[in-house]
């Protein structure tokens, strides 16, 4: 019997930023990369909740820290298809 489930997520941004005049002068590239892994009880209807580690690799290191590690959480409501 499974008591826990794992849910992971990967977010990567690609910013496209105007640099002023002329209007077609833009900067773009790879943004921050975030990976999260959540552990959740297997049966938690009608909500899913979880807690787990998150790591962020920064595109522009703030205070010379290229990465950060955090404890993260998630809460989501489950809806059945066609319930609206």
N, C-alpha and C. Protein backbone atom coordinates (compact mmCIF):
# COMPACT_ATOMS: atom_id res chain seq x y z
N UNK A 1 0.84 -1.18 0.00
CA UNK A 1 0.00 0.00 0.00
C UNK A 1 0.90 1.25 0.00
N UNK A 2 0.63 2.16 -0.92
CA UNK A 2 1.40 3.40 -1.03
C UNK A 2 0.79 4.46 -0.12
N UNK A 3 1.62 5.04 0.75
CA UNK A 3 1.13 6.08 1.66
C UNK A 3 1.52 7.48 1.22
N UNK A 4 2.60 7.60 0.45
CA UNK A 4 3.10 8.91 0.03
C UNK A 4 3.29 8.94 -1.48
N UNK A 5 3.10 10.11 -2.06
CA UNK A 5 3.34 10.33 -3.49
C UNK A 5 4.35 11.46 -3.62
N UNK A 6 5.11 11.44 -4.69
CA UNK A 6 6.04 12.55 -4.95
C UNK A 6 5.61 13.28 -6.21
N UNK A 7 5.70 14.59 -6.16
CA UNK A 7 5.34 15.46 -7.28
C UNK A 7 6.51 16.39 -7.49
N UNK A 8 7.01 16.47 -8.73
CA UNK A 8 8.12 17.38 -8.97
C UNK A 8 7.73 18.39 -10.03
N UNK A 9 8.43 19.51 -10.01
CA UNK A 9 8.15 20.58 -10.96
C UNK A 9 9.43 21.29 -11.36
N UNK A 10 9.47 21.71 -12.62
CA UNK A 10 10.64 22.39 -13.18
C UNK A 10 10.14 23.67 -13.84
N UNK A 11 10.70 24.81 -13.45
CA UNK A 11 10.32 26.10 -14.03
C UNK A 11 11.57 26.78 -14.55
N UNK A 12 11.51 27.23 -15.79
CA UNK A 12 12.63 27.95 -16.40
C UNK A 12 12.05 29.13 -17.16
N UNK A 13 12.54 30.31 -16.87
CA UNK A 13 12.05 31.51 -17.54
C UNK A 13 12.97 31.95 -18.67
N UNK A 14 12.38 32.54 -19.69
CA UNK A 14 13.16 33.12 -20.78
C UNK A 14 12.73 34.57 -20.95
N UNK A 15 13.37 35.48 -20.21
CA UNK A 15 12.96 36.88 -20.27
C UNK A 15 13.32 37.53 -21.61
N UNK A 16 12.48 38.48 -22.03
CA UNK A 16 12.69 39.28 -23.23
C UNK A 16 12.44 40.72 -22.80
N UNK A 17 13.51 41.50 -22.59
CA UNK A 17 13.41 42.80 -21.94
C UNK A 17 13.80 43.92 -22.90
N UNK A 18 12.90 44.92 -23.07
CA UNK A 18 13.27 46.08 -23.90
C UNK A 18 14.36 46.89 -23.21
N UNK A 19 15.29 47.42 -23.99
CA UNK A 19 16.41 48.18 -23.43
C UNK A 19 16.30 49.68 -23.69
N UNK A 20 15.11 50.14 -24.04
CA UNK A 20 14.92 51.58 -24.28
C UNK A 20 14.87 51.87 -25.77
N UNK A 21 15.44 52.98 -26.18
CA UNK A 21 15.40 53.39 -27.59
C UNK A 21 16.66 52.95 -28.29
N UNK A 22 16.63 52.48 -29.51
CA UNK A 22 15.45 52.27 -30.34
C UNK A 22 14.60 51.12 -29.83
N UNK A 23 13.34 51.13 -30.21
CA UNK A 23 12.37 50.18 -29.68
C UNK A 23 12.70 48.72 -30.00
N UNK A 24 13.47 48.46 -31.04
CA UNK A 24 13.78 47.08 -31.39
C UNK A 24 15.05 46.57 -30.70
N UNK A 25 15.65 47.36 -29.81
CA UNK A 25 16.83 46.94 -29.05
C UNK A 25 16.36 46.19 -27.81
N UNK A 26 16.56 44.88 -27.78
CA UNK A 26 16.07 44.05 -26.68
C UNK A 26 17.17 43.11 -26.21
N UNK A 27 17.06 42.69 -24.97
CA UNK A 27 17.94 41.67 -24.40
C UNK A 27 17.08 40.47 -24.02
N UNK A 28 17.55 39.27 -24.32
CA UNK A 28 16.82 38.07 -23.92
C UNK A 28 17.81 36.97 -23.58
N UNK A 29 17.31 35.95 -22.96
CA UNK A 29 18.18 34.85 -22.56
C UNK A 29 17.52 33.92 -21.57
N UNK A 30 18.34 33.16 -20.89
CA UNK A 30 17.87 32.18 -19.92
C UNK A 30 17.68 32.86 -18.57
N UNK A 31 16.53 32.63 -17.94
CA UNK A 31 16.24 33.21 -16.64
C UNK A 31 16.58 32.24 -15.52
N UNK A 32 16.01 32.50 -14.35
CA UNK A 32 16.22 31.61 -13.20
C UNK A 32 15.65 30.23 -13.49
N UNK A 33 16.28 29.21 -12.95
CA UNK A 33 15.82 27.84 -13.08
C UNK A 33 15.45 27.34 -11.69
N UNK A 34 14.23 26.82 -11.55
CA UNK A 34 13.74 26.37 -10.25
C UNK A 34 13.26 24.93 -10.37
N UNK A 35 13.70 24.08 -9.45
CA UNK A 35 13.25 22.69 -9.40
C UNK A 35 12.72 22.41 -7.99
N UNK A 36 11.51 21.87 -7.91
CA UNK A 36 10.89 21.55 -6.63
C UNK A 36 10.45 20.09 -6.61
N UNK A 37 10.58 19.47 -5.46
CA UNK A 37 10.14 18.09 -5.26
C UNK A 37 9.28 18.06 -4.01
N UNK A 38 8.00 17.69 -4.17
CA UNK A 38 7.07 17.68 -3.06
C UNK A 38 6.68 16.25 -2.70
N UNK A 39 6.52 15.99 -1.41
CA UNK A 39 6.02 14.72 -0.92
C UNK A 39 4.64 14.98 -0.32
N UNK A 40 3.66 14.18 -0.74
CA UNK A 40 2.28 14.41 -0.34
C UNK A 40 1.66 13.09 0.10
N UNK A 41 0.76 13.12 1.11
CA UNK A 41 0.02 11.90 1.44
C UNK A 41 -0.77 11.43 0.22
N UNK A 42 -0.89 10.12 0.04
CA UNK A 42 -1.49 9.56 -1.15
C UNK A 42 -2.97 9.92 -1.31
N UNK A 43 -3.74 9.93 -0.22
CA UNK A 43 -5.17 10.25 -0.30
C UNK A 43 -5.47 11.49 0.53
N UNK A 44 -5.69 12.62 -0.15
CA UNK A 44 -5.99 13.87 0.56
C UNK A 44 -7.11 14.64 -0.14
N UNK A 45 -8.11 13.96 -0.68
CA UNK A 45 -9.18 14.63 -1.43
C UNK A 45 -9.98 15.54 -0.51
N UNK A 46 -10.50 16.67 -0.94
CA UNK A 46 -10.46 17.27 -2.27
C UNK A 46 -9.24 18.16 -2.51
N UNK A 47 -8.29 18.17 -1.60
CA UNK A 47 -7.08 18.98 -1.79
C UNK A 47 -5.85 18.10 -1.86
N UNK A 48 -4.85 18.57 -2.57
CA UNK A 48 -3.53 17.95 -2.56
C UNK A 48 -2.62 18.92 -1.82
N UNK A 49 -1.88 18.44 -0.86
CA UNK A 49 -0.90 19.28 -0.20
C UNK A 49 0.41 18.51 -0.13
N UNK A 50 1.49 19.27 -0.08
CA UNK A 50 2.79 18.62 -0.01
C UNK A 50 3.85 19.57 0.50
N UNK A 51 4.98 19.01 0.87
CA UNK A 51 6.10 19.79 1.37
C UNK A 51 7.37 19.13 0.87
N UNK A 52 8.39 19.94 0.60
CA UNK A 52 9.63 19.36 0.10
C UNK A 52 10.66 20.42 -0.26
N UNK A 53 11.81 19.98 -0.74
CA UNK A 53 12.90 20.90 -1.06
C UNK A 53 12.69 21.60 -2.40
N UNK A 54 13.28 22.78 -2.51
CA UNK A 54 13.27 23.55 -3.75
C UNK A 54 14.67 24.13 -3.94
N UNK A 55 15.19 24.06 -5.15
CA UNK A 55 16.49 24.65 -5.45
C UNK A 55 16.33 25.61 -6.62
N UNK A 56 16.91 26.78 -6.51
CA UNK A 56 16.85 27.79 -7.56
C UNK A 56 18.27 28.15 -8.00
N UNK A 57 18.52 28.03 -9.30
CA UNK A 57 19.78 28.49 -9.88
C UNK A 57 19.50 29.84 -10.53
N UNK A 58 20.19 30.86 -10.06
CA UNK A 58 19.90 32.22 -10.50
C UNK A 58 20.67 32.58 -11.76
N UNK A 59 19.99 33.32 -12.62
CA UNK A 59 20.61 33.81 -13.85
C UNK A 59 21.59 34.94 -13.50
N UNK A 60 21.24 35.78 -12.54
CA UNK A 60 22.13 36.85 -12.10
C UNK A 60 22.28 36.70 -10.59
N UNK A 61 23.40 36.15 -10.13
CA UNK A 61 23.57 35.88 -8.69
C UNK A 61 23.45 37.13 -7.83
N UNK A 62 22.51 37.10 -6.89
CA UNK A 62 22.35 38.20 -5.94
C UNK A 62 23.29 37.95 -4.78
N UNK A 63 24.09 38.93 -4.44
CA UNK A 63 25.08 38.82 -3.36
C UNK A 63 26.00 37.62 -3.58
N UNK A 64 26.33 37.36 -4.82
CA UNK A 64 27.26 36.30 -5.19
C UNK A 64 26.79 34.90 -4.80
N UNK A 65 25.50 34.69 -4.70
CA UNK A 65 24.96 33.36 -4.42
C UNK A 65 24.33 32.82 -5.69
N UNK A 66 24.98 31.90 -6.38
CA UNK A 66 24.42 31.40 -7.64
C UNK A 66 23.24 30.46 -7.47
N UNK A 67 23.02 29.94 -6.26
CA UNK A 67 21.90 29.02 -6.05
C UNK A 67 21.35 29.21 -4.64
N UNK A 68 20.09 28.84 -4.47
CA UNK A 68 19.49 28.88 -3.14
C UNK A 68 18.69 27.60 -2.91
N UNK A 69 18.68 27.14 -1.69
CA UNK A 69 17.95 25.94 -1.28
C UNK A 69 16.89 26.37 -0.27
N UNK A 70 15.66 25.90 -0.46
CA UNK A 70 14.56 26.27 0.42
C UNK A 70 13.68 25.07 0.71
N UNK A 71 12.90 25.18 1.78
CA UNK A 71 11.85 24.22 2.05
C UNK A 71 10.57 24.85 1.51
N UNK A 72 9.87 24.16 0.63
CA UNK A 72 8.72 24.73 -0.07
C UNK A 72 7.46 23.93 0.24
N UNK A 73 6.30 24.49 -0.09
CA UNK A 73 5.02 23.83 0.15
C UNK A 73 4.09 24.07 -1.02
N UNK A 74 3.08 23.21 -1.14
CA UNK A 74 2.09 23.34 -2.21
C UNK A 74 0.72 22.95 -1.67
N UNK A 75 -0.32 23.62 -2.16
CA UNK A 75 -1.70 23.29 -1.85
C UNK A 75 -2.51 23.51 -3.12
N UNK A 76 -3.25 22.49 -3.57
CA UNK A 76 -4.05 22.59 -4.79
C UNK A 76 -5.38 21.88 -4.57
N UNK A 77 -6.41 22.38 -5.23
CA UNK A 77 -7.73 21.75 -5.15
C UNK A 77 -7.92 20.85 -6.35
N UNK A 78 -8.53 19.69 -6.11
CA UNK A 78 -8.80 18.73 -7.17
C UNK A 78 -10.23 18.91 -7.65
N UNK A 79 -10.42 19.01 -8.98
CA UNK A 79 -11.76 19.06 -9.55
C UNK A 79 -11.90 17.92 -10.55
N UNK A 80 -13.06 17.33 -10.56
CA UNK A 80 -13.32 16.27 -11.54
C UNK A 80 -13.59 16.89 -12.91
N UNK A 81 -13.22 16.20 -13.96
CA UNK A 81 -13.49 16.67 -15.32
C UNK A 81 -14.99 16.79 -15.53
N UNK A 82 -15.44 17.91 -16.09
CA UNK A 82 -16.85 18.12 -16.35
C UNK A 82 -17.67 18.51 -15.15
N UNK A 83 -17.04 18.92 -14.04
CA UNK A 83 -17.79 19.26 -12.83
C UNK A 83 -18.30 20.69 -12.84
N UNK A 84 -17.91 21.48 -13.81
CA UNK A 84 -18.36 22.88 -13.85
C UNK A 84 -19.54 23.06 -14.76
